Amino acid sequence: MEVAWRWLVGVPTLWLLLREGKRILDATPLDQTGIHQFTLLDQTTSTYAVMRCVELLTPPVIATATWLLPLLMVIYAIASGVGRMLIISAAADESFSARWQWSRLPTLILLQAMRVTALTATLLLWIQGVAWAGGWAIVQPMHAVDPDPNIVAFLAVVITLTVALLTLWAIVSWVFNAAPVLALAEGRSIFSALGGAFHMGWLRGKLIEINLGLAVVKLALIVLVMVISSTPLPFETVVSGDTLYDWWLFTLVLYCIASDLFHVVRSVAYVELWQKWRSSIS
């Protein structure tokens, strides 16, 4: 059910992104950048190719993102609200006042809109951090007399930033995962559900613990996907350009499918813990 609702909205989203991406690529002369000859053998030349691509693509990408990003956020909030209601209701027992509370759907959609807004802000912060790391470790050294991009330092900063923001998101996002359970199970309003998440006694610590545990598992999944994406390294003399990009796209899709499982695990765990908590205080 989780995979179904995510990919029902994910496939049209990917189609829209591919359409807009193709439009941008068709209007941008990337052939002169040398990006189609990207190779792992010559880091300096490949870095220059990536830099030229970024310079050409940044203006049209930002122009498209100004209308596409809010649209996708609204679509995801609606789909995620429906998906959360289906998953939570399916995981619930008779302790819920009503298993299928379609009247609570607007509340769940607004809660998911708040969650996706916070998540988008975190991702934008990550992008800004990666851009700073690129300027410090790659762009500045490339303008030196003896250009030598510091790829290791760049990757070290990106990995550290990713782990830090992922941990921060795990610490704060549990509220957005607990609030839909309270809204659906107890008929709470948006702000009542958010506030109620902080007044759940021993349950609050358990919910944070689950979120942190799944964050560690997801981090391990990211590392695993990074390892899979680097498997062409032994074949760097024959694997380059579009073939390399296709492999990285495959690993990204693989990550998205595997990540769906952890959302189900968290939702079911939150519901079952809530039911035990209600039994302990009743």
Protein backbone atom coordinates (compact mmCIF):
# COMPACT_ATOMS: atom_id res chain seq x y z
CA MET A 1 0.00 0.00 0.00
CA GLU A 2 2.85 2.37 0.86
CA VAL A 3 4.71 1.64 -2.36
CA ALA A 4 1.46 2.01 -4.32
CA TRP A 5 0.51 5.49 -3.14
CA ARG A 6 4.10 6.77 -3.33
CA TRP A 7 4.60 5.58 -6.88
CA LEU A 8 1.12 6.60 -8.00
CA VAL A 9 2.21 10.17 -7.31
CA GLY A 10 5.89 9.48 -7.94
CA VAL A 11 5.55 8.32 -11.54
CA PRO A 12 3.67 11.47 -12.71
CA THR A 13 6.14 13.56 -10.72
CA LEU A 14 9.08 11.88 -12.43
CA TRP A 15 7.40 12.37 -15.80
CA LEU A 16 6.94 16.09 -15.07
CA LEU A 17 10.56 16.41 -13.91
CA LEU A 18 11.83 14.55 -16.97
CA ARG A 19 9.73 16.73 -19.28
CA GLU A 20 10.98 19.95 -17.73
CA GLY A 21 14.51 18.59 -17.56
CA LYS A 22 14.45 17.66 -21.24
CA ARG A 23 13.13 21.10 -22.11
CA ILE A 24 15.98 22.74 -20.19
CA LEU A 25 18.59 20.42 -21.67
CA ASP A 26 17.31 20.98 -25.22
CA ALA A 27 17.61 24.73 -24.76
CA THR A 28 21.06 24.56 -23.14
CA PRO A 29 24.17 23.91 -25.26
CA LEU A 30 25.85 21.30 -23.05
CA ASP A 31 27.85 19.67 -25.86
CA GLN A 32 30.49 22.38 -25.61
CA THR A 33 31.03 21.65 -21.89
CA GLY A 34 32.39 18.15 -22.47
CA ILE A 35 30.00 16.62 -19.95
CA HIS A 36 29.08 13.80 -22.32
CA GLN A 37 32.68 12.67 -22.17
CA PHE A 38 32.74 12.68 -18.37
CA THR A 39 35.31 10.19 -17.12
CA LEU A 40 36.67 9.10 -13.75
CA LEU A 41 40.18 8.92 -15.16
CA ASP A 42 40.76 12.69 -15.48
CA GLN A 43 39.31 14.46 -12.43
CA THR A 44 40.50 17.93 -13.40
CA THR A 45 38.93 17.88 -16.88
CA SER A 46 35.73 16.33 -15.54
CA THR A 47 35.53 18.95 -12.79
CA TYR A 48 35.76 21.74 -15.35
CA ALA A 49 32.99 20.06 -17.35
CA VAL A 50 30.73 19.89 -14.29
CA MET A 51 31.48 23.53 -13.42
CA ARG A 52 30.54 24.71 -16.91
CA CYS A 53 27.32 22.66 -16.78
CA VAL A 54 26.36 24.15 -13.41
CA GLU A 55 26.93 27.68 -14.72
CA LEU A 56 24.72 27.04 -17.75
CA LEU A 57 21.96 25.10 -15.99
CA THR A 58 21.54 27.13 -12.80
CA PRO A 59 19.46 30.04 -14.27
CA PRO A 60 16.86 27.88 -16.12
CA VAL A 61 16.67 25.38 -13.24
CA ILE A 62 15.95 28.12 -10.70
CA ALA A 63 13.38 29.69 -13.03
CA THR A 64 11.58 26.35 -13.38
CA ALA A 65 11.85 25.53 -9.67
CA THR A 66 10.02 28.73 -8.69
CA TRP A 67 6.75 27.27 -9.96
CA LEU A 68 7.47 23.54 -10.08
CA LEU A 69 8.64 23.12 -6.47
CA PRO A 70 5.50 24.62 -4.85
CA LEU A 71 3.32 22.54 -7.19
CA LEU A 72 5.11 19.32 -6.25
CA MET A 73 4.91 20.19 -2.56
CA VAL A 74 1.12 20.58 -2.80
CA ILE A 75 0.75 17.34 -4.76
CA TYR A 76 2.91 15.44 -2.29
CA ALA A 77 1.06 16.86 0.72
CA ILE A 78 -2.29 15.66 -0.66
CA ALA A 79 -1.00 12.24 -1.66
CA SER A 80 0.93 11.84 1.59
CA GLY A 81 -2.14 12.79 3.64
CA VAL A 82 -4.18 10.08 1.93
CA GLY A 83 -1.34 7.58 2.22
CA ARG A 84 -0.77 8.23 5.92
CA MET A 85 -4.48 7.84 6.63
CA LEU A 86 -4.62 4.50 4.79
CA ILE A 87 -1.49 3.11 6.48
CA ILE A 88 -2.38 4.29 9.99
CA SER A 89 -5.95 3.05 9.69
CA ALA A 90 -4.80 -0.31 8.36
CA ALA A 91 -2.39 -0.69 11.28
CA ALA A 92 -4.96 0.30 13.92
CA ASP A 93 -7.26 -1.87 15.99
CA GLU A 94 -10.60 -1.23 17.66
CA SER A 95 -9.02 1.39 19.97
CA PHE A 96 -9.38 3.89 17.15
CA SER A 97 -12.74 5.64 17.32
CA ALA A 98 -13.22 4.91 13.61
CA ARG A 99 -10.80 3.11 11.34
CA TRP A 100 -11.65 5.08 8.22
CA GLN A 101 -12.05 8.72 9.15
CA TRP A 102 -12.23 10.52 5.85
CA SER A 103 -13.38 13.65 7.70
CA ARG A 104 -9.88 13.84 9.19
CA LEU A 105 -8.26 13.84 5.76
CA PRO A 106 -7.93 17.66 5.46
CA THR A 107 -6.14 17.74 8.83
CA LEU A 108 -3.72 15.02 7.74
CA ILE A 109 -3.05 16.82 4.44
CA LEU A 110 -2.23 20.07 6.26
CA LEU A 111 0.04 18.21 8.69
CA GLN A 112 1.85 16.62 5.76
CA ALA A 113 2.12 20.04 4.10
CA MET A 114 3.88 21.33 7.21
CA ARG A 115 6.17 18.30 7.18
CA VAL A 116 7.10 18.64 3.51
CA THR A 117 7.75 22.37 4.02
CA ALA A 118 10.18 21.61 6.85
CA LEU A 119 11.78 18.84 4.79
CA THR A 120 12.16 21.16 1.77
CA ALA A 121 13.83 23.78 3.97
CA THR A 122 16.25 21.11 5.23
CA LEU A 123 17.06 20.00 1.68
CA LEU A 124 17.63 23.60 0.57
CA LEU A 125 19.98 24.03 3.52
CA TRP A 126 21.83 20.90 2.40
CA ILE A 127 22.10 22.24 -1.17
CA GLN A 128 23.53 25.51 0.13
CA GLY A 129 26.05 23.58 2.19
CA VAL A 130 27.11 21.47 -0.79
CA ALA A 131 27.45 24.62 -2.91
CA TRP A 132 29.68 26.20 -0.25
CA ALA A 133 31.79 23.02 -0.05
CA GLY A 134 32.15 23.02 -3.83
CA GLY A 135 33.29 26.63 -3.85
CA TRP A 136 35.79 26.07 -1.06
CA ALA A 137 37.26 22.70 -2.10
CA ILE A 138 36.88 22.78 -5.89
CA VAL A 139 36.22 26.21 -7.39
CA GLN A 140 38.84 28.15 -5.42
CA PRO A 141 41.65 25.60 -6.03
CA MET A 142 40.74 25.50 -9.73
CA HIS A 143 41.50 29.23 -9.99
CA ALA A 144 44.95 28.75 -8.50
CA VAL A 145 48.18 28.75 -10.51
CA ASP A 146 48.35 24.96 -10.30
CA PRO A 147 44.70 23.88 -10.49
CA ASP A 148 44.03 20.76 -8.44
CA PRO A 149 40.48 20.24 -7.12
CA ASN A 150 40.37 18.81 -3.61
CA ILE A 151 37.78 16.10 -4.23
CA VAL A 152 38.52 14.33 -0.94
CA ALA A 153 37.87 17.47 1.12
CA PHE A 154 34.69 18.16 -0.84
CA LEU A 155 33.34 14.65 -0.21
CA ALA A 156 34.34 14.84 3.47
CA VAL A 157 32.34 18.05 3.95
CA VAL A 158 29.35 16.69 2.02
CA ILE A 159 29.29 13.45 4.02
CA THR A 160 29.61 15.31 7.34
CA LEU A 161 26.89 17.78 6.35
CA THR A 162 24.60 14.96 5.21
CA VAL A 163 24.99 13.01 8.45
CA ALA A 164 24.47 16.16 10.56
CA LEU A 165 21.31 17.25 8.77
CA LEU A 166 19.95 13.70 8.67
CA THR A 167 20.43 13.44 12.44
CA LEU A 168 18.83 16.85 12.98
CA TRP A 169 15.85 15.87 10.83
CA ALA A 170 15.47 12.60 12.75
CA ILE A 171 15.42 14.50 16.05
CA VAL A 172 12.74 17.02 15.03
CA SER A 173 10.63 15.17 12.44
CA TRP A 174 9.15 12.66 14.89
CA VAL A 175 6.54 15.31 15.73
CA PHE A 176 5.24 15.30 12.14
CA ASN A 177 5.03 11.49 12.26
CA ALA A 178 3.26 11.33 15.62
CA ALA A 179 0.75 14.13 14.94
CA PRO A 180 -1.16 12.24 12.19
CA VAL A 181 -1.66 9.31 14.59
CA LEU A 182 -3.17 11.63 17.22
CA ALA A 183 -5.26 13.47 14.63
CA LEU A 184 -6.73 10.26 13.29
CA ALA A 185 -7.04 8.30 16.54
CA GLU A 186 -8.26 11.07 18.84
CA GLY A 187 -9.89 13.44 16.37
CA ARG A 188 -7.51 16.28 17.21
CA SER A 189 -7.03 19.46 15.21
CA ILE A 190 -3.72 20.36 13.57
CA PHE A 191 -2.16 22.34 16.41
CA SER A 192 -3.72 20.13 19.06
CA ALA A 193 -2.11 17.09 17.44
CA LEU A 194 1.28 18.82 17.19
CA GLY A 195 1.09 19.99 20.79
CA GLY A 196 -0.20 16.64 22.01
CA ALA A 197 2.87 14.91 20.61
CA PHE A 198 4.96 16.68 23.29
CA HIS A 199 2.68 15.52 26.12
CA MET A 200 2.69 11.76 25.70
CA GLY A 201 4.76 10.78 28.73
CA TRP A 202 7.08 7.81 28.26
CA LEU A 203 5.81 7.37 24.72
CA ARG A 204 7.56 10.52 23.47
CA GLY A 205 11.00 9.08 24.20
CA LYS A 206 10.12 5.85 22.43
CA LEU A 207 8.94 7.73 19.34
CA ILE A 208 12.16 9.76 19.19
CA GLU A 209 14.15 6.56 19.67
CA ILE A 210 12.37 4.89 16.76
CA ASN A 211 12.98 7.91 14.55
CA LEU A 212 16.70 7.99 15.41
CA GLY A 213 17.01 4.24 14.89
CA LEU A 214 15.40 4.40 11.46
CA ALA A 215 17.60 7.39 10.61
CA VAL A 216 20.66 5.24 11.30
CA VAL A 217 19.21 2.46 9.14
CA LYS A 218 18.45 4.94 6.35
CA LEU A 219 21.97 6.33 6.61
CA ALA A 220 23.27 2.78 6.20
CA LEU A 221 21.00 2.45 3.16
CA ILE A 222 22.46 5.67 1.70
CA VAL A 223 25.97 4.33 2.24
CA LEU A 224 24.97 1.06 0.57
CA VAL A 225 23.57 2.92 -2.43
CA MET A 226 26.77 4.98 -2.63
CA VAL A 227 28.77 1.75 -2.69
CA ILE A 228 26.54 0.34 -5.44
CA SER A 229 26.85 3.58 -7.42
CA SER A 230 30.65 3.30 -7.27
CA THR A 231 30.79 -0.24 -8.65
CA PRO A 232 31.73 1.07 -12.15
CA LEU A 233 35.07 2.28 -10.73
CA PRO A 234 36.96 -0.93 -11.68
CA PHE A 235 35.65 -0.45 -15.23
CA GLU A 236 36.38 3.28 -15.46
CA THR A 237 38.19 2.83 -18.79
CA VAL A 238 35.00 1.62 -20.49
CA VAL A 239 32.18 3.05 -18.33
CA SER A 240 31.70 6.79 -18.72
CA GLY A 241 29.26 9.44 -19.91
CA ASP A 242 25.62 8.46 -20.38
CA THR A 243 26.19 4.84 -19.30
CA LEU A 244 27.48 6.07 -15.94
CA TYR A 245 24.49 8.40 -15.55
CA ASP A 246 22.05 5.57 -16.29
CA TRP A 247 23.64 3.44 -13.57
CA TRP A 248 23.40 6.28 -11.05
CA LEU A 249 19.72 6.77 -11.96
CA PHE A 250 19.12 3.05 -11.37
CA THR A 251 20.72 3.25 -7.90
CA LEU A 252 18.54 6.29 -7.08
CA VAL A 253 15.34 4.41 -7.98
CA LEU A 254 16.58 1.43 -5.96
CA TYR A 255 17.05 3.70 -2.93
CA CYS A 256 13.55 5.19 -3.28
CA ILE A 257 11.91 1.75 -3.33
CA ALA A 258 13.93 0.51 -0.35
CA SER A 259 13.19 3.71 1.57
CA ASP A 260 9.43 3.11 1.31
CA LEU A 261 9.75 0.15 3.68
CA PHE A 262 11.07 2.31 6.52
CA HIS A 263 8.11 4.70 6.29
CA VAL A 264 5.76 1.74 6.79
CA VAL A 265 7.80 0.42 9.73
CA ARG A 266 7.72 3.82 11.44
CA SER A 267 3.97 4.34 10.94
CA VAL A 268 3.07 0.88 12.22
CA ALA A 269 5.43 1.23 15.21
CA TYR A 270 3.93 4.61 16.12
CA VAL A 271 0.39 3.23 15.97
CA GLU A 272 1.18 0.16 18.08
CA LEU A 273 3.03 2.22 20.70
CA TRP A 274 0.16 4.71 20.85
CA GLN A 275 -2.28 1.86 21.47
CA LYS A 276 -0.12 0.54 24.33
CA TRP A 277 0.24 4.02 25.77
CA ARG A 278 -3.54 4.57 25.74
CA SER A 279 -4.01 1.24 27.47
CA SER A 280 -1.47 2.15 30.15
CA ILE A 281 -3.17 5.46 31.06
CA SER A 282 -6.77 4.30 30.80
